Amino acid sequence: MSKQLQIKLLGSLQVKIGEDTAVFRTDAERTLLAYLAIHQGSPQRRDTLAGLLSPDRTDKEALTYLRNRLTRLRHSLGDDEAAPPWLEI
């Protein structure tokens, strides 16, 4: 059974997974989660997210940075054990 995710955006960002408080390593992770929570239910383009998080980087660098932030964000939310979106052969 999955745990309930609670995100509070007013004041400082607070995230609870069940009874546990999520800990984020960087402001970029908090910013990304807040942005995705606000835009919940609408698809977000990776290049748009990358540009928002890394406006001073090249497109390639920004996309790499975004991939890393998404991985760390999933880890912070306890989702690193989720099935990968590909088939390993």
C-alpha atoms as a PDB file:
ATOM      1  CA  MET A   1       0.000   0.000   0.000  1.00  0.00           C
ATOM      2  CA  SER A   2       1.437   3.378  -0.965  1.00  0.00           C
ATOM      3  CA  LYS A   3       1.774   6.179   1.549  1.00  0.00           C
ATOM      4  CA  GLN A   4      -0.098   9.453   1.176  1.00  0.00           C
ATOM      5  CA  LEU A   5       1.937  12.393  -0.127  1.00  0.00           C
ATOM      6  CA  GLN A   6       1.100  15.797   1.403  1.00  0.00           C
ATOM      7  CA  ILE A   7       2.617  18.976  -0.035  1.00  0.00           C
ATOM      8  CA  LYS A   8       2.125  22.332   1.699  1.00  0.00           C
ATOM      9  CA  LEU A   9       3.184  25.316  -0.391  1.00  0.00           C
ATOM     10  CA  LEU A  10       2.093  28.247   1.775  1.00  0.00           C
ATOM     11  CA  GLY A  11       4.961  29.494   3.915  1.00  0.00           C
ATOM     12  CA  SER A  12       7.969  27.234   3.599  1.00  0.00           C
ATOM     13  CA  LEU A  13       7.571  24.068   1.536  1.00  0.00           C
ATOM     14  CA  GLN A  14       6.599  21.086   3.687  1.00  0.00           C
ATOM     15  CA  VAL A  15       6.333  17.572   2.316  1.00  0.00           C
ATOM     16  CA  LYS A  16       5.147  14.517   4.235  1.00  0.00           C
ATOM     17  CA  ILE A  17       5.075  10.947   3.004  1.00  0.00           C
ATOM     18  CA  GLY A  18       2.778   9.129   5.356  1.00  0.00           C
ATOM     19  CA  GLU A  19       4.059  10.237   8.774  1.00  0.00           C
ATOM     20  CA  ASP A  20       7.611  10.969   7.549  1.00  0.00           C
ATOM     21  CA  THR A  21       8.885  14.397   6.526  1.00  0.00           C
ATOM     22  CA  ALA A  22      10.724  14.439   3.200  1.00  0.00           C
ATOM     23  CA  VAL A  23      14.224  15.923   3.201  1.00  0.00           C
ATOM     24  CA  PHE A  24      15.542  17.628   0.077  1.00  0.00           C
ATOM     25  CA  ARG A  25      19.226  18.184  -0.635  1.00  0.00           C
ATOM     26  CA  THR A  26      18.870  21.294  -2.794  1.00  0.00           C
ATOM     27  CA  ASP A  27      16.621  24.268  -3.412  1.00  0.00           C
ATOM     28  CA  ALA A  28      16.319  23.057  -7.019  1.00  0.00           C
ATOM     29  CA  GLU A  29      14.573  19.888  -5.823  1.00  0.00           C
ATOM     30  CA  ARG A  30      12.131  21.919  -3.715  1.00  0.00           C
ATOM     31  CA  THR A  31      11.531  24.338  -6.596  1.00  0.00           C
ATOM     32  CA  LEU A  32      10.920  21.505  -9.051  1.00  0.00           C
ATOM     33  CA  LEU A  33       8.477  19.735  -6.734  1.00  0.00           C
ATOM     34  CA  ALA A  34       6.584  22.959  -5.996  1.00  0.00           C
ATOM     35  CA  TYR A  35       6.333  23.773  -9.712  1.00  0.00           C
ATOM     36  CA  LEU A  36       5.089  20.277 -10.561  1.00  0.00           C
ATOM     37  CA  ALA A  37       2.592  20.353  -7.672  1.00  0.00           C
ATOM     38  CA  ILE A  38       1.198  23.712  -8.793  1.00  0.00           C
ATOM     39  CA  HIS A  39       0.868  22.433 -12.372  1.00  0.00           C
ATOM     40  CA  GLN A  40      -0.458  19.025 -11.320  1.00  0.00           C
ATOM     41  CA  GLY A  41      -2.544  17.348 -13.974  1.00  0.00           C
ATOM     42  CA  SER A  42      -0.992  19.182 -16.906  1.00  0.00           C
ATOM     43  CA  PRO A  43       1.974  17.719 -18.782  1.00  0.00           C
ATOM     44  CA  GLN A  44       5.212  19.681 -18.513  1.00  0.00           C
ATOM     45  CA  ARG A  45       7.839  19.703 -21.239  1.00  0.00           C
ATOM     46  CA  ARG A  46      11.318  18.719 -20.111  1.00  0.00           C
ATOM     47  CA  ASP A  47      12.925  21.552 -22.058  1.00  0.00           C
ATOM     48  CA  THR A  48      10.648  24.062 -20.303  1.00  0.00           C
ATOM     49  CA  LEU A  49      11.477  22.648 -16.860  1.00  0.00           C
ATOM     50  CA  ALA A  50      15.180  22.576 -17.726  1.00  0.00           C
ATOM     51  CA  GLY A  51      15.072  26.218 -18.802  1.00  0.00           C
ATOM     52  CA  LEU A  52      13.298  27.263 -15.600  1.00  0.00           C
ATOM     53  CA  LEU A  53      15.818  25.475 -13.360  1.00  0.00           C
ATOM     54  CA  SER A  54      18.931  26.343 -15.371  1.00  0.00           C
ATOM     55  CA  PRO A  55      18.447  29.490 -17.458  1.00  0.00           C
ATOM     56  CA  ASP A  56      22.211  30.155 -17.646  1.00  0.00           C
ATOM     57  CA  ARG A  57      23.192  26.691 -18.924  1.00  0.00           C
ATOM     58  CA  THR A  58      23.228  25.326 -22.450  1.00  0.00           C
ATOM     59  CA  ASP A  59      20.203  23.266 -23.450  1.00  0.00           C
ATOM     60  CA  LYS A  60      22.177  20.033 -23.146  1.00  0.00           C
ATOM     61  CA  GLU A  61      23.576  20.969 -19.715  1.00  0.00           C
ATOM     62  CA  ALA A  62      20.140  22.091 -18.511  1.00  0.00           C
ATOM     63  CA  LEU A  63      18.521  18.804 -19.562  1.00  0.00           C
ATOM     64  CA  THR A  64      21.272  16.820 -17.825  1.00  0.00           C
ATOM     65  CA  TYR A  65      20.796  18.929 -14.684  1.00  0.00           C
ATOM     66  CA  LEU A  66      17.030  18.344 -14.846  1.00  0.00           C
ATOM     67  CA  ARG A  67      17.510  14.572 -15.158  1.00  0.00           C
ATOM     68  CA  ASN A  68      19.734  14.620 -12.077  1.00  0.00           C
ATOM     69  CA  ARG A  69      17.240  16.746 -10.112  1.00  0.00           C
ATOM     70  CA  LEU A  70      14.371  14.427 -11.064  1.00  0.00           C
ATOM     71  CA  THR A  71      16.362  11.397  -9.915  1.00  0.00           C
ATOM     72  CA  ARG A  72      17.229  13.052  -6.603  1.00  0.00           C
ATOM     73  CA  LEU A  73      13.654  14.259  -6.163  1.00  0.00           C
ATOM     74  CA  ARG A  74      12.321  10.730  -6.656  1.00  0.00           C
ATOM     75  CA  HIS A  75      14.858   9.496  -4.115  1.00  0.00           C
ATOM     76  CA  SER A  76      13.818  12.184  -1.608  1.00  0.00           C
ATOM     77  CA  LEU A  77      10.193  11.132  -2.065  1.00  0.00           C
ATOM     78  CA  GLY A  78      11.059   7.473  -1.515  1.00  0.00           C
ATOM     79  CA  ASP A  79      10.261   6.548  -5.109  1.00  0.00           C
ATOM     80  CA  ASP A  80      13.712   5.231  -6.055  1.00  0.00           C
ATOM     81  CA  GLU A  81      12.382   1.670  -5.837  1.00  0.00           C
ATOM     82  CA  ALA A  82       9.712   2.342  -8.448  1.00  0.00           C
ATOM     83  CA  ALA A  83       9.872   0.256 -11.587  1.00  0.00           C
ATOM     84  CA  PRO A  84      11.987   1.921 -14.280  1.00  0.00           C
ATOM     85  CA  PRO A  85      10.050   3.163 -17.334  1.00  0.00           C
ATOM     86  CA  TRP A  86      12.009   0.828 -19.622  1.00  0.00           C
ATOM     87  CA  LEU A  87      12.591  -2.865 -20.081  1.00  0.00           C
ATOM     88  CA  GLU A  88      16.044  -4.141 -19.178  1.00  0.00           C
ATOM     89  CA  ILE A  89      17.228  -7.030 -21.341  1.00  0.00           C
END
